[in-house]
Amino acid sequence: MNLGDKLYLRILTLSLVVAVAGCKTEEVGFAPAVSNPFNPAPVSVDNGDDVTPIQPPLVEITQAPNNHMLGGQTSVSYRVVAGDFAIQQHQCRVDGTLVDCERSGTLALSGFALGPHVFSVDVVDVEGLSASQSADWFVSNNVSAKTDALTVNPSDNEADILFVIDNSGSMSEEQEEVALRISNFFEKVESLKWRVGIITTDPYELEPVSNELDPYADGVLVPFPNGQYYIDHTMPVESAKELFGQTIFRSESGNGHERGIRNTYRAIERSLSPGDSDANLQLANFFRPDASFAVVLISDEDETLLDGTGALLFEQDRSVGQNLVNYVARTWGADKQFQFNSVIVEPGDFACISEFEKYGVAYKDLSELTGGAVEDICAEDYSSALSNIGSGVANLQKVYPLQCKPFDQDNDGNPDLRVIAGAGQPVPAFVVKEDKVEFAEALQPGDYSFEYECLIPVPN
């Protein structure tokens, strides 16, 4: 099939997919295309077209506008990244009205009425492939006082860490680099009661080309050489490193439809039905309800939404990052600490991407949504990347969610938050990052309360 034919088949579906993968402000759901999630199959047979994937253009909102009081102002920053073809047109809109804008930059936003507002960017390349991104904010004239109660228990240093490994044929060098440098990760989480499991990005139990059964697809934990399905803090670090290194090298070769978000979703989903299979029971044993949950995804692709013929794959809803965040909260409660970290081809990194790779847009968006790290898969040495991710996982014990981004009542440029400790516990220094508070060190066991104010949305 030549490039023109391929584009003809894919343009309409790619436009939809890019919009879904890039959206930060709306939860998008799709009805599953198959009724039995434990016997998944692609919508159509892979005909090999995914060997040389087409990279559409990208739009990123690099700084979303802030909610503000009537008479105030905010700004939005964005950038457009060309894919395989040159950008032909870009358009910016505020509340649906076209506004002048550069292809990438920052726009000041002021003078808006009470209620919700939206900024959007749309781009089209010379071959007709399109992308869009939007960000919402609202203007209010009132605030609501909030008080959050927090109890820190001695067992709050538990962390369940799930490595999601791209097991396609192009990933052997990356798997080797992670194996060599994993001690940098373990050093950073040594204060935690951690456990580490590994799943792959391969979604199909039945491989669609060879029809062979893949025992490590669909969110199943990969067994370690010692016969266990996770390693943990009770073993010597050198033993953990050796077992991890032996397991991260995958002998099977995935089918090229990498779906790390979807498989993380499925791992949780399967753990909730432990009686259905031994694989589900292993997942149920891995997850601890009160532990923080961190994902470390390593892939040179993006979340795959199309099969080899350009048709949408099944279970699109499980591939949406916001849906995964919501599912974690529904499963274990809104207080569950969840972080998604990515080692990917970063959008716009032209030196890293090749014809066999894609920008990890969906993975980057989910990492930013959950406060996770985004690291370069083309780095010569993964020491820094794994160290950064390990530090972020350890810092989950220092980060707590709030009901909103606290309002800056005194107009000093900083959100206002008061932390009150009971029984004389000290309150470490802290900073407010959007709707989370991050302490300089872990809180001592005891009771705490957070007092702040939220802007009240005004309906249309």
Foldseek 3Di string as FASTA:
>chain_A
DDPLVLLVLAQVVLQVVQAQLAEQADQDFDAFPDDDLVAFDWPDFFPPLLQQDWFAKHKHWPAAWEAEAAQDWTKTWMAIFHTPFAWDDKFKDKQRHTDDDDRGGMDIGHDDDFFKIKIKMKTAGPSGHIHMYMHMYGYFHDWDKDKDKDFDDPQAQEEEEEEEEAQAPVCQVLLQQCLVQVVLLCVLSLVGFYKYWYAYQAAHQQQRPVRDGDPRHLQFTFAWPVRAGIDTNVDDPVVNSVRSSVGSNDPDHHPSQGQRQLSVLRLLVLCVVCVPDVRNVSSVVRDDLSYAYEYEYEDQAARGQAHNSNDGTGRVSSRQLVSSLVSNCVVRHPFHQYAYAYAYADRPNPVPDDSRGYHHSSSVSNRVVRVAYYHHSPDPHCNVVSNRRSNVSSQSLFKTFAPWQFDPPVPPPARDKDKDFPPPWDAADWGGDTGMIGGPDHGDGGMMMMIGMGGDHDHD
